[in-house]
């Protein structure tokens, strides 16, 4: 499978939402520790954090996995496969909402693995924005010494060696970019009766006839500097419940480039070329995850990937046991 880096062609897009330029807010806060602007949403006050974890000082890459509370088997499959494929400088954390029926199970899981951040909002698709904002807030508060941040859904397979290599090559300078699978020229879903109703967005929430260019929220890579700036600005931008659209819109208002790369695969691809693929969608069963892992951990593939990103061995890096 040949993978080429390219920028998808998007139609011109401009929308005051509601502020056209929010860069001055970031600059004011960085320079003065405060801003003269008033927040227009209080989304960070809509929930509390039930469970949280901390990071060590030497973390280079944080992988934040958005997961539904009841996906215990999916999280365990990730922990047993691609989620363990890293060294001491990578941390994998699962992001959950709240479910009253599953609170004891999550409590046990948190105690066992210490890799869960859980918010008090109900764990449902329309609350994904809270889960995403919680992720930004948690990273800034708990892992501010990290460099690269990767947001991914729990139905993706991730090749961490490729991800780490790509991060070092593309974002070492900390420039204002976000990478992923870029969506262009998409019409908003206006009907609750549509088969795509999970992405419904009303005109009162969002008026234009076309969505802004955005990175599919299931797989997004960026730098800690970008995360810090977005965390500052979110309270000053009108929310859109489609979290990937909202984050990309705010990013572009800040002058952050959202860049497409074919190695972040948003389609159903089972025959993955692990030499190039970074992440791949539709691994929504543990069977698919383990099947891909068996291919990934073959000795030749393992040695080729590991040798391409490190000069000396790290602890438990992609153990093939």
C-alpha atoms as a PDB file:
ATOM      1  CA  UNK A   1       0.000   0.000   0.000  1.00  0.00           C
ATOM      2  CA  UNK A   2       1.614   3.250  -1.100  1.00  0.00           C
ATOM      3  CA  UNK A   3       0.930   6.201   1.193  1.00  0.00           C
ATOM      4  CA  UNK A   4       1.592   9.761   0.086  1.00  0.00           C
ATOM      5  CA  UNK A   5       1.478  12.878   2.209  1.00  0.00           C
ATOM      6  CA  UNK A   6      -0.896  15.400   0.691  1.00  0.00           C
ATOM      7  CA  UNK A   7      -3.173  18.289   1.519  1.00  0.00           C
ATOM      8  CA  UNK A   8      -6.765  17.788   0.496  1.00  0.00           C
ATOM      9  CA  UNK A   9      -8.257  20.612  -1.541  1.00  0.00           C
ATOM     10  CA  UNK A  10     -10.928  22.485   0.404  1.00  0.00           C
ATOM     11  CA  UNK A  11     -13.295  25.205  -0.717  1.00  0.00           C
ATOM     12  CA  UNK A  12     -12.679  28.638   0.752  1.00  0.00           C
ATOM     13  CA  UNK A  13     -14.263  29.015   4.191  1.00  0.00           C
ATOM     14  CA  UNK A  14     -14.733  32.015   6.456  1.00  0.00           C
ATOM     15  CA  UNK A  15     -17.021  32.259   9.458  1.00  0.00           C
ATOM     16  CA  UNK A  16     -17.112  34.558  12.479  1.00  0.00           C
ATOM     17  CA  UNK A  17     -17.809  32.120  15.289  1.00  0.00           C
ATOM     18  CA  UNK A  18     -18.451  34.563  16.944  1.00  0.00           C
ATOM     19  CA  UNK A  19     -14.987  36.083  17.169  1.00  0.00           C
ATOM     20  CA  UNK A  20     -12.901  36.409  14.033  1.00  0.00           C
ATOM     21  CA  UNK A  21      -9.565  36.750  15.816  1.00  0.00           C
ATOM     22  CA  UNK A  22      -8.876  35.200  19.210  1.00  0.00           C
ATOM     23  CA  UNK A  23      -5.094  35.289  19.033  1.00  0.00           C
ATOM     24  CA  UNK A  24      -5.050  38.408  21.208  1.00  0.00           C
ATOM     25  CA  UNK A  25      -6.682  36.452  24.057  1.00  0.00           C
ATOM     26  CA  UNK A  26      -3.816  33.959  24.092  1.00  0.00           C
ATOM     27  CA  UNK A  27      -1.235  36.763  23.920  1.00  0.00           C
ATOM     28  CA  UNK A  28      -2.924  38.734  26.716  1.00  0.00           C
ATOM     29  CA  UNK A  29      -3.056  35.747  29.035  1.00  0.00           C
ATOM     30  CA  UNK A  30       0.549  34.784  28.288  1.00  0.00           C
ATOM     31  CA  UNK A  31       1.801  38.362  28.729  1.00  0.00           C
ATOM     32  CA  UNK A  32      -0.377  39.539  31.625  1.00  0.00           C
ATOM     33  CA  UNK A  33      -1.761  36.371  33.160  1.00  0.00           C
ATOM     34  CA  UNK A  34      -5.290  37.584  32.375  1.00  0.00           C
ATOM     35  CA  UNK A  35      -7.453  38.918  29.554  1.00  0.00           C
ATOM     36  CA  UNK A  36      -9.939  41.764  29.224  1.00  0.00           C
ATOM     37  CA  UNK A  37     -12.274  39.463  27.264  1.00  0.00           C
ATOM     38  CA  UNK A  38     -15.177  37.702  28.963  1.00  0.00           C
ATOM     39  CA  UNK A  39     -15.707  33.942  28.497  1.00  0.00           C
ATOM     40  CA  UNK A  40     -18.835  33.087  26.516  1.00  0.00           C
ATOM     41  CA  UNK A  41     -19.160  29.478  27.690  1.00  0.00           C
ATOM     42  CA  UNK A  42     -18.427  27.669  30.939  1.00  0.00           C
ATOM     43  CA  UNK A  43     -18.064  24.151  29.573  1.00  0.00           C
ATOM     44  CA  UNK A  44     -15.195  23.350  31.935  1.00  0.00           C
ATOM     45  CA  UNK A  45     -17.647  23.870  34.813  1.00  0.00           C
ATOM     46  CA  UNK A  46     -20.176  21.346  33.471  1.00  0.00           C
ATOM     47  CA  UNK A  47     -18.377  18.367  34.984  1.00  0.00           C
ATOM     48  CA  UNK A  48     -15.925  17.258  37.632  1.00  0.00           C
ATOM     49  CA  UNK A  49     -13.113  14.724  37.320  1.00  0.00           C
ATOM     50  CA  UNK A  50     -13.909  11.463  39.098  1.00  0.00           C
ATOM     51  CA  UNK A  51     -10.669   9.593  38.380  1.00  0.00           C
ATOM     52  CA  UNK A  52      -7.359  11.022  37.186  1.00  0.00           C
ATOM     53  CA  UNK A  53      -3.728   9.997  36.787  1.00  0.00           C
ATOM     54  CA  UNK A  54      -0.386  11.778  36.629  1.00  0.00           C
ATOM     55  CA  UNK A  55       2.565  11.742  34.248  1.00  0.00           C
ATOM     56  CA  UNK A  56       6.246  11.436  34.910  1.00  0.00           C
ATOM     57  CA  UNK A  57       8.484  14.334  33.901  1.00  0.00           C
ATOM     58  CA  UNK A  58      10.140  12.557  30.975  1.00  0.00           C
ATOM     59  CA  UNK A  59       7.029  11.723  28.902  1.00  0.00           C
ATOM     60  CA  UNK A  60       7.567  12.521  25.225  1.00  0.00           C
ATOM     61  CA  UNK A  61       4.256  11.307  23.773  1.00  0.00           C
ATOM     62  CA  UNK A  62       0.814  11.183  25.398  1.00  0.00           C
ATOM     63  CA  UNK A  63      -1.821   8.984  23.726  1.00  0.00           C
ATOM     64  CA  UNK A  64      -5.338   9.877  24.863  1.00  0.00           C
ATOM     65  CA  UNK A  65      -7.872   7.182  23.942  1.00  0.00           C
ATOM     66  CA  UNK A  66     -11.526   8.264  23.936  1.00  0.00           C
ATOM     67  CA  UNK A  67     -13.455   5.205  25.082  1.00  0.00           C
ATOM     68  CA  UNK A  68     -17.060   4.439  26.011  1.00  0.00           C
ATOM     69  CA  UNK A  69     -17.437   3.431  29.639  1.00  0.00           C
ATOM     70  CA  UNK A  70     -18.736  -0.043  28.797  1.00  0.00           C
ATOM     71  CA  UNK A  71     -15.926  -0.892  26.354  1.00  0.00           C
ATOM     72  CA  UNK A  72     -13.945  -2.889  28.927  1.00  0.00           C
ATOM     73  CA  UNK A  73     -12.905  -5.589  26.449  1.00  0.00           C
ATOM     74  CA  UNK A  74     -11.818  -3.003  23.888  1.00  0.00           C
ATOM     75  CA  UNK A  75      -9.591  -1.218  26.405  1.00  0.00           C
ATOM     76  CA  UNK A  76      -8.116  -4.511  27.569  1.00  0.00           C
ATOM     77  CA  UNK A  77      -7.357  -5.474  23.970  1.00  0.00           C
ATOM     78  CA  UNK A  78      -5.535  -2.163  23.467  1.00  0.00           C
ATOM     79  CA  UNK A  79      -3.553  -2.644  26.690  1.00  0.00           C
ATOM     80  CA  UNK A  80      -2.556  -6.114  25.510  1.00  0.00           C
ATOM     81  CA  UNK A  81      -1.597  -5.083  21.963  1.00  0.00           C
ATOM     82  CA  UNK A  82      -0.669  -1.727  20.448  1.00  0.00           C
ATOM     83  CA  UNK A  83      -1.135   0.116  23.758  1.00  0.00           C
ATOM     84  CA  UNK A  84       1.810  -1.715  25.305  1.00  0.00           C
ATOM     85  CA  UNK A  85       4.023  -1.025  22.299  1.00  0.00           C
ATOM     86  CA  UNK A  86       6.046   1.799  23.790  1.00  0.00           C
ATOM     87  CA  UNK A  87       8.907   2.648  26.076  1.00  0.00           C
ATOM     88  CA  UNK A  88       9.203   4.729  29.215  1.00  0.00           C
ATOM     89  CA  UNK A  89       8.708   7.980  27.294  1.00  0.00           C
ATOM     90  CA  UNK A  90       5.140   7.208  26.122  1.00  0.00           C
ATOM     91  CA  UNK A  91       1.945   7.214  28.210  1.00  0.00           C
ATOM     92  CA  UNK A  92      -1.427   5.766  27.155  1.00  0.00           C
ATOM     93  CA  UNK A  93      -4.495   7.100  28.996  1.00  0.00           C
ATOM     94  CA  UNK A  94      -8.193   6.251  28.498  1.00  0.00           C
ATOM     95  CA  UNK A  95     -10.844   8.987  28.630  1.00  0.00           C
ATOM     96  CA  UNK A  96     -14.275   8.007  29.977  1.00  0.00           C
ATOM     97  CA  UNK A  97     -17.581   9.630  30.801  1.00  0.00           C
ATOM     98  CA  UNK A  98     -19.866   8.515  33.604  1.00  0.00           C
ATOM     99  CA  UNK A  99     -22.265   5.579  33.851  1.00  0.00           C
ATOM    100  CA  UNK A 100     -24.002   4.906  37.166  1.00  0.00           C
ATOM    101  CA  UNK A 101     -24.470   1.215  36.313  1.00  0.00           C
ATOM    102  CA  UNK A 102     -20.749   0.692  35.668  1.00  0.00           C
ATOM    103  CA  UNK A 103     -19.169   2.795  38.394  1.00  0.00           C
ATOM    104  CA  UNK A 104     -17.838  -0.136  40.434  1.00  0.00           C
ATOM    105  CA  UNK A 105     -16.404  -1.868  37.379  1.00  0.00           C
ATOM    106  CA  UNK A 106     -14.604   1.332  36.349  1.00  0.00           C
ATOM    107  CA  UNK A 107     -13.363   1.814  39.915  1.00  0.00           C
ATOM    108  CA  UNK A 108     -11.808  -1.669  39.814  1.00  0.00           C
ATOM    109  CA  UNK A 109     -10.318  -1.043  36.370  1.00  0.00           C
ATOM    110  CA  UNK A 110      -8.810   2.259  37.509  1.00  0.00           C
ATOM    111  CA  UNK A 111      -7.275   0.635  40.595  1.00  0.00           C
ATOM    112  CA  UNK A 112      -5.869  -2.211  38.502  1.00  0.00           C
ATOM    113  CA  UNK A 113      -4.322  -0.227  35.639  1.00  0.00           C
ATOM    114  CA  UNK A 114      -4.054   3.423  36.744  1.00  0.00           C
ATOM    115  CA  UNK A 115      -4.633   4.647  33.193  1.00  0.00           C
ATOM    116  CA  UNK A 116      -8.130   6.205  33.297  1.00  0.00           C
ATOM    117  CA  UNK A 117      -9.338   9.805  33.393  1.00  0.00           C
ATOM    118  CA  UNK A 118     -13.101   9.923  33.966  1.00  0.00           C
ATOM    119  CA  UNK A 119     -15.481  12.890  33.932  1.00  0.00           C
ATOM    120  CA  UNK A 120     -18.862  13.199  35.643  1.00  0.00           C
ATOM    121  CA  UNK A 121     -20.804  13.886  32.408  1.00  0.00           C
ATOM    122  CA  UNK A 122     -22.985  11.089  31.024  1.00  0.00           C
ATOM    123  CA  UNK A 123     -21.027   8.890  28.637  1.00  0.00           C
ATOM    124  CA  UNK A 124     -22.951   9.356  25.383  1.00  0.00           C
ATOM    125  CA  UNK A 125     -21.997  10.442  21.883  1.00  0.00           C
ATOM    126  CA  UNK A 126     -23.423  13.961  22.195  1.00  0.00           C
ATOM    127  CA  UNK A 127     -21.115  14.561  25.170  1.00  0.00           C
ATOM    128  CA  UNK A 128     -17.953  13.821  23.214  1.00  0.00           C
ATOM    129  CA  UNK A 129     -17.119  17.531  23.331  1.00  0.00           C
ATOM    130  CA  UNK A 130     -16.878  17.345  27.125  1.00  0.00           C
ATOM    131  CA  UNK A 131     -14.621  14.317  26.826  1.00  0.00           C
ATOM    132  CA  UNK A 132     -12.387  16.140  24.359  1.00  0.00           C
ATOM    133  CA  UNK A 133     -12.202  19.330  26.429  1.00  0.00           C
ATOM    134  CA  UNK A 134     -11.452  17.215  29.505  1.00  0.00           C
ATOM    135  CA  UNK A 135      -8.530  15.720  27.604  1.00  0.00           C
ATOM    136  CA  UNK A 136      -7.067  19.149  26.805  1.00  0.00           C
ATOM    137  CA  UNK A 137      -7.563  20.331  30.364  1.00  0.00           C
ATOM    138  CA  UNK A 138      -6.017  17.175  31.832  1.00  0.00           C
ATOM    139  CA  UNK A 139      -2.931  17.320  29.611  1.00  0.00           C
ATOM    140  CA  UNK A 140      -2.212  20.958  30.450  1.00  0.00           C
ATOM    141  CA  UNK A 141      -2.760  20.358  34.173  1.00  0.00           C
ATOM    142  CA  UNK A 142      -0.980  17.019  34.508  1.00  0.00           C
ATOM    143  CA  UNK A 143       1.409  16.475  31.581  1.00  0.00           C
ATOM    144  CA  UNK A 144       2.626  19.918  30.590  1.00  0.00           C
ATOM    145  CA  UNK A 145       6.215  18.647  30.188  1.00  0.00           C
ATOM    146  CA  UNK A 146       5.229  16.267  27.386  1.00  0.00           C
ATOM    147  CA  UNK A 147       5.895  17.158  23.747  1.00  0.00           C
ATOM    148  CA  UNK A 148       3.480  15.333  21.446  1.00  0.00           C
ATOM    149  CA  UNK A 149      -0.216  14.676  22.065  1.00  0.00           C
ATOM    150  CA  UNK A 150      -2.210  12.082  20.123  1.00  0.00           C
ATOM    151  CA  UNK A 151      -6.002  11.906  20.430  1.00  0.00           C
ATOM    152  CA  UNK A 152      -7.508   8.634  19.219  1.00  0.00           C
ATOM    153  CA  UNK A 153     -10.758   6.643  19.543  1.00  0.00           C
ATOM    154  CA  UNK A 154     -10.814   3.121  20.944  1.00  0.00           C
ATOM    155  CA  UNK A 155     -11.804   1.634  17.563  1.00  0.00           C
ATOM    156  CA  UNK A 156      -8.433   2.461  15.996  1.00  0.00           C
ATOM    157  CA  UNK A 157      -5.252   0.430  15.673  1.00  0.00           C
ATOM    158  CA  UNK A 158      -2.130   2.535  16.249  1.00  0.00           C
ATOM    159  CA  UNK A 159       1.478   1.760  15.331  1.00  0.00           C
ATOM    160  CA  UNK A 160       3.271   3.670  18.069  1.00  0.00           C
ATOM    161  CA  UNK A 161       6.785   3.389  16.557  1.00  0.00           C
ATOM    162  CA  UNK A 162       5.509   5.038  13.357  1.00  0.00           C
ATOM    163  CA  UNK A 163       3.611   7.643  15.379  1.00  0.00           C
ATOM    164  CA  UNK A 164       6.666   8.547  17.434  1.00  0.00           C
ATOM    165  CA  UNK A 165       8.914   8.708  14.368  1.00  0.00           C
ATOM    166  CA  UNK A 166       6.411  10.933  12.537  1.00  0.00           C
ATOM    167  CA  UNK A 167       6.076  13.219  15.571  1.00  0.00           C
ATOM    168  CA  UNK A 168       9.823  13.719  15.856  1.00  0.00           C
ATOM    169  CA  UNK A 169      10.195  14.443  12.160  1.00  0.00           C
ATOM    170  CA  UNK A 170       7.181  16.716  11.668  1.00  0.00           C
ATOM    171  CA  UNK A 171       6.718  18.531  14.977  1.00  0.00           C
ATOM    172  CA  UNK A 172      10.045  18.707  16.768  1.00  0.00           C
ATOM    173  CA  UNK A 173      10.055  22.498  16.400  1.00  0.00           C
ATOM    174  CA  UNK A 174       6.682  22.781  18.125  1.00  0.00           C
ATOM    175  CA  UNK A 175       5.144  24.657  15.220  1.00  0.00           C
ATOM    176  CA  UNK A 176       1.416  25.368  15.135  1.00  0.00           C
ATOM    177  CA  UNK A 177       0.107  22.324  13.277  1.00  0.00           C
ATOM    178  CA  UNK A 178      -2.281  19.432  13.781  1.00  0.00           C
ATOM    179  CA  UNK A 179      -2.122  16.256  11.684  1.00  0.00           C
ATOM    180  CA  UNK A 180      -4.808  13.722  10.893  1.00  0.00           C
ATOM    181  CA  UNK A 181      -7.388  12.765   8.284  1.00  0.00           C
ATOM    182  CA  UNK A 182      -8.752  16.040   6.909  1.00  0.00           C
ATOM    183  CA  UNK A 183     -12.400  16.317   5.915  1.00  0.00           C
ATOM    184  CA  UNK A 184     -13.376  18.978   3.387  1.00  0.00           C
ATOM    185  CA  UNK A 185     -16.552  20.466   1.936  1.00  0.00           C
ATOM    186  CA  UNK A 186     -18.934  18.470   4.149  1.00  0.00           C
ATOM    187  CA  UNK A 187     -22.601  19.426   4.448  1.00  0.00           C
ATOM    188  CA  UNK A 188     -23.990  19.635   7.986  1.00  0.00           C
ATOM    189  CA  UNK A 189     -26.627  17.033   8.889  1.00  0.00           C
ATOM    190  CA  UNK A 190     -29.845  18.978   9.466  1.00  0.00           C
ATOM    191  CA  UNK A 191     -32.366  16.147   9.869  1.00  0.00           C
ATOM    192  CA  UNK A 192     -32.791  14.073  13.021  1.00  0.00           C
ATOM    193  CA  UNK A 193     -34.364  11.393  10.815  1.00  0.00           C
ATOM    194  CA  UNK A 194     -31.227  10.972   8.717  1.00  0.00           C
ATOM    195  CA  UNK A 195     -29.210   7.771   9.023  1.00  0.00           C
ATOM    196  CA  UNK A 196     -26.354  10.120   9.936  1.00  0.00           C
ATOM    197  CA  UNK A 197     -28.376  11.732  12.741  1.00  0.00           C
ATOM    198  CA  UNK A 198     -25.589  11.155  15.285  1.00  0.00           C
ATOM    199  CA  UNK A 199     -23.902  14.114  13.567  1.00  0.00           C
ATOM    200  CA  UNK A 200     -27.014  16.300  13.592  1.00  0.00           C
ATOM    201  CA  UNK A 201     -26.293  20.011  14.041  1.00  0.00           C
ATOM    202  CA  UNK A 202     -29.033  22.620  14.187  1.00  0.00           C
ATOM    203  CA  UNK A 203     -28.902  25.998  12.457  1.00  0.00           C
ATOM    204  CA  UNK A 204     -29.039  27.730  15.832  1.00  0.00           C
ATOM    205  CA  UNK A 205     -25.856  25.898  16.792  1.00  0.00           C
ATOM    206  CA  UNK A 206     -24.132  26.414  13.451  1.00  0.00           C
ATOM    207  CA  UNK A 207     -25.503  28.534  10.596  1.00  0.00           C
ATOM    208  CA  UNK A 208     -23.355  28.056   7.449  1.00  0.00           C
ATOM    209  CA  UNK A 209     -24.360  25.636   4.704  1.00  0.00           C
ATOM    210  CA  UNK A 210     -20.994  23.875   4.779  1.00  0.00           C
ATOM    211  CA  UNK A 211     -18.793  22.666   7.620  1.00  0.00           C
ATOM    212  CA  UNK A 212     -15.325  24.125   8.011  1.00  0.00           C
ATOM    213  CA  UNK A 213     -12.375  21.908   7.071  1.00  0.00           C
ATOM    214  CA  UNK A 214     -11.737  19.629  10.044  1.00  0.00           C
ATOM    215  CA  UNK A 215      -9.641  16.697  11.179  1.00  0.00           C
ATOM    216  CA  UNK A 216     -11.617  13.547  12.004  1.00  0.00           C
ATOM    217  CA  UNK A 217     -11.610  13.458  15.782  1.00  0.00           C
ATOM    218  CA  UNK A 218     -10.798   9.764  15.949  1.00  0.00           C
ATOM    219  CA  UNK A 219      -7.112  10.328  15.196  1.00  0.00           C
ATOM    220  CA  UNK A 220      -5.356  13.697  15.693  1.00  0.00           C
ATOM    221  CA  UNK A 221      -1.706  14.441  16.447  1.00  0.00           C
ATOM    222  CA  UNK A 222      -0.385  17.764  17.694  1.00  0.00           C
ATOM    223  CA  UNK A 223       2.175  19.464  19.948  1.00  0.00           C
ATOM    224  CA  UNK A 224       1.801  20.472  23.597  1.00  0.00           C
ATOM    225  CA  UNK A 225       2.107  24.161  22.599  1.00  0.00           C
ATOM    226  CA  UNK A 226      -1.013  23.813  20.437  1.00  0.00           C
ATOM    227  CA  UNK A 227      -2.873  22.055  23.257  1.00  0.00           C
ATOM    228  CA  UNK A 228      -2.008  24.853  25.690  1.00  0.00           C
ATOM    229  CA  UNK A 229      -3.258  27.554  23.332  1.00  0.00           C
ATOM    230  CA  UNK A 230      -6.481  25.727  22.507  1.00  0.00           C
ATOM    231  CA  UNK A 231      -7.116  25.113  26.219  1.00  0.00           C
ATOM    232  CA  UNK A 232      -6.896  28.880  26.791  1.00  0.00           C
ATOM    233  CA  UNK A 233      -9.261  29.821  23.970  1.00  0.00           C
ATOM    234  CA  UNK A 234     -12.051  27.222  24.242  1.00  0.00           C
ATOM    235  CA  UNK A 235     -14.027  29.248  26.844  1.00  0.00           C
ATOM    236  CA  UNK A 236     -14.089  32.217  24.449  1.00  0.00           C
ATOM    237  CA  UNK A 237     -15.498  30.356  21.444  1.00  0.00           C
ATOM    238  CA  UNK A 238     -19.124  29.309  21.013  1.00  0.00           C
ATOM    239  CA  UNK A 239     -19.238  25.499  21.359  1.00  0.00           C
ATOM    240  CA  UNK A 240     -20.313  23.079  18.649  1.00  0.00           C
ATOM    241  CA  UNK A 241     -21.211  19.639  19.976  1.00  0.00           C
ATOM    242  CA  UNK A 242     -19.384  17.980  17.068  1.00  0.00           C
ATOM    243  CA  UNK A 243     -16.061  17.935  18.876  1.00  0.00           C
ATOM    244  CA  UNK A 244     -13.805  17.413  15.865  1.00  0.00           C
ATOM    245  CA  UNK A 245     -15.473  20.272  13.956  1.00  0.00           C
ATOM    246  CA  UNK A 246     -15.236  22.551  16.996  1.00  0.00           C
ATOM    247  CA  UNK A 247     -11.574  21.858  17.760  1.00  0.00           C
ATOM    248  CA  UNK A 248     -10.554  22.327  14.122  1.00  0.00           C
ATOM    249  CA  UNK A 249     -12.549  25.555  13.825  1.00  0.00           C
ATOM    250  CA  UNK A 250     -10.992  27.040  16.967  1.00  0.00           C
ATOM    251  CA  UNK A 251      -7.541  25.914  15.824  1.00  0.00           C
ATOM    252  CA  UNK A 252      -7.924  27.657  12.486  1.00  0.00           C
ATOM    253  CA  UNK A 253      -9.101  30.838  14.220  1.00  0.00           C
ATOM    254  CA  UNK A 254      -5.797  30.730  16.100  1.00  0.00           C
ATOM    255  CA  UNK A 255      -3.797  30.309  12.906  1.00  0.00           C
ATOM    256  CA  UNK A 256      -3.032  26.668  13.608  1.00  0.00           C
ATOM    257  CA  UNK A 257      -2.771  24.641  10.401  1.00  0.00           C
ATOM    258  CA  UNK A 258      -4.757  21.416  10.170  1.00  0.00           C
ATOM    259  CA  UNK A 259      -2.864  19.113   7.817  1.00  0.00           C
ATOM    260  CA  UNK A 260      -3.916  15.920   6.079  1.00  0.00           C
ATOM    261  CA  UNK A 261      -1.676  12.874   5.932  1.00  0.00           C
ATOM    262  CA  UNK A 262      -2.731   9.566   4.388  1.00  0.00           C
ATOM    263  CA  UNK A 263      -0.957   7.634   7.135  1.00  0.00           C
ATOM    264  CA  UNK A 264      -3.852   8.531   9.430  1.00  0.00           C
ATOM    265  CA  UNK A 265      -6.381   6.183   7.825  1.00  0.00           C
ATOM    266  CA  UNK A 266     -10.071   6.909   8.315  1.00  0.00           C
ATOM    267  CA  UNK A 267     -11.373   3.985   6.257  1.00  0.00           C
ATOM    268  CA  UNK A 268     -11.742   0.262   6.842  1.00  0.00           C
ATOM    269  CA  UNK A 269      -8.383  -1.200   5.917  1.00  0.00           C
ATOM    270  CA  UNK A 270      -7.584  -4.659   7.184  1.00  0.00           C
ATOM    271  CA  UNK A 271      -4.437  -5.287   5.128  1.00  0.00           C
ATOM    272  CA  UNK A 272      -2.343  -2.663   6.816  1.00  0.00           C
ATOM    273  CA  UNK A 273       1.209  -1.889   5.727  1.00  0.00           C
ATOM    274  CA  UNK A 274       2.840  -1.330   9.088  1.00  0.00           C
ATOM    275  CA  UNK A 275       5.850   0.293   7.465  1.00  0.00           C
ATOM    276  CA  UNK A 276       3.777   3.426   6.818  1.00  0.00           C
ATOM    277  CA  UNK A 277       0.393   3.354   8.595  1.00  0.00           C
ATOM    278  CA  UNK A 278       0.143   5.392  11.814  1.00  0.00           C
ATOM    279  CA  UNK A 279      -3.490   4.793  12.730  1.00  0.00           C
ATOM    280  CA  UNK A 280      -6.376   2.940  11.136  1.00  0.00           C
ATOM    281  CA  UNK A 281     -10.124   3.133  11.832  1.00  0.00           C
ATOM    282  CA  UNK A 282     -12.878   0.512  12.286  1.00  0.00           C
ATOM    283  CA  UNK A 283     -11.075  -1.841  14.649  1.00  0.00           C
ATOM    284  CA  UNK A 284     -14.302  -1.981  16.636  1.00  0.00           C
ATOM    285  CA  UNK A 285     -13.921  -5.544  17.850  1.00  0.00           C
ATOM    286  CA  UNK A 286     -11.243  -7.187  19.930  1.00  0.00           C
ATOM    287  CA  UNK A 287     -10.879  -9.847  17.223  1.00  0.00           C
ATOM    288  CA  UNK A 288      -9.757  -7.234  14.687  1.00  0.00           C
ATOM    289  CA  UNK A 289      -7.298  -5.694  17.158  1.00  0.00           C
ATOM    290  CA  UNK A 290      -5.652  -9.002  18.046  1.00  0.00           C
ATOM    291  CA  UNK A 291      -5.521 -10.018  14.390  1.00  0.00           C
ATOM    292  CA  UNK A 292      -3.659  -6.830  13.486  1.00  0.00           C
ATOM    293  CA  UNK A 293      -1.377  -7.238  16.493  1.00  0.00           C
ATOM    294  CA  UNK A 294      -0.302 -10.713  15.395  1.00  0.00           C
ATOM    295  CA  UNK A 295       0.816  -9.247  12.093  1.00  0.00           C
ATOM    296  CA  UNK A 296       2.450  -6.228  13.681  1.00  0.00           C
ATOM    297  CA  UNK A 297       4.586  -8.119  16.180  1.00  0.00           C
ATOM    298  CA  UNK A 298       6.234 -10.465  13.641  1.00  0.00           C
ATOM    299  CA  UNK A 299       9.986 -10.297  14.339  1.00  0.00           C
ATOM    300  CA  UNK A 300      11.041  -8.764  11.021  1.00  0.00           C
ATOM    301  CA  UNK A 301       8.425  -6.036  11.208  1.00  0.00           C
ATOM    302  CA  UNK A 302       9.124  -5.370  14.871  1.00  0.00           C
ATOM    303  CA  UNK A 303      12.885  -5.022  14.428  1.00  0.00           C
ATOM    304  CA  UNK A 304      12.532  -2.825  11.340  1.00  0.00           C
ATOM    305  CA  UNK A 305      10.185  -0.361  13.051  1.00  0.00           C
ATOM    306  CA  UNK A 306      12.014  -0.189  16.367  1.00  0.00           C
ATOM    307  CA  UNK A 307      15.424   0.297  14.794  1.00  0.00           C
ATOM    308  CA  UNK A 308      14.065   3.156  12.719  1.00  0.00           C
ATOM    309  CA  UNK A 309      13.111   5.277  15.740  1.00  0.00           C
ATOM    310  CA  UNK A 310      15.578   4.553  18.554  1.00  0.00           C
ATOM    311  CA  UNK A 311      19.320   4.342  18.943  1.00  0.00           C
ATOM    312  CA  UNK A 312      19.220   2.201  22.080  1.00  0.00           C
ATOM    313  CA  UNK A 313      16.637  -0.212  23.525  1.00  0.00           C
ATOM    314  CA  UNK A 314      13.919   1.040  25.837  1.00  0.00           C
ATOM    315  CA  UNK A 315      12.129  -0.949  28.501  1.00  0.00           C
ATOM    316  CA  UNK A 316       9.402  -3.271  27.177  1.00  0.00           C
ATOM    317  CA  UNK A 317       9.259  -1.580  23.773  1.00  0.00           C
ATOM    318  CA  UNK A 318       6.777  -3.592  21.716  1.00  0.00           C
ATOM    319  CA  UNK A 319       7.402  -6.819  23.598  1.00  0.00           C
ATOM    320  CA  UNK A 320       6.652  -9.788  21.371  1.00  0.00           C
ATOM    321  CA  UNK A 321       5.994 -12.113  24.277  1.00  0.00           C
END
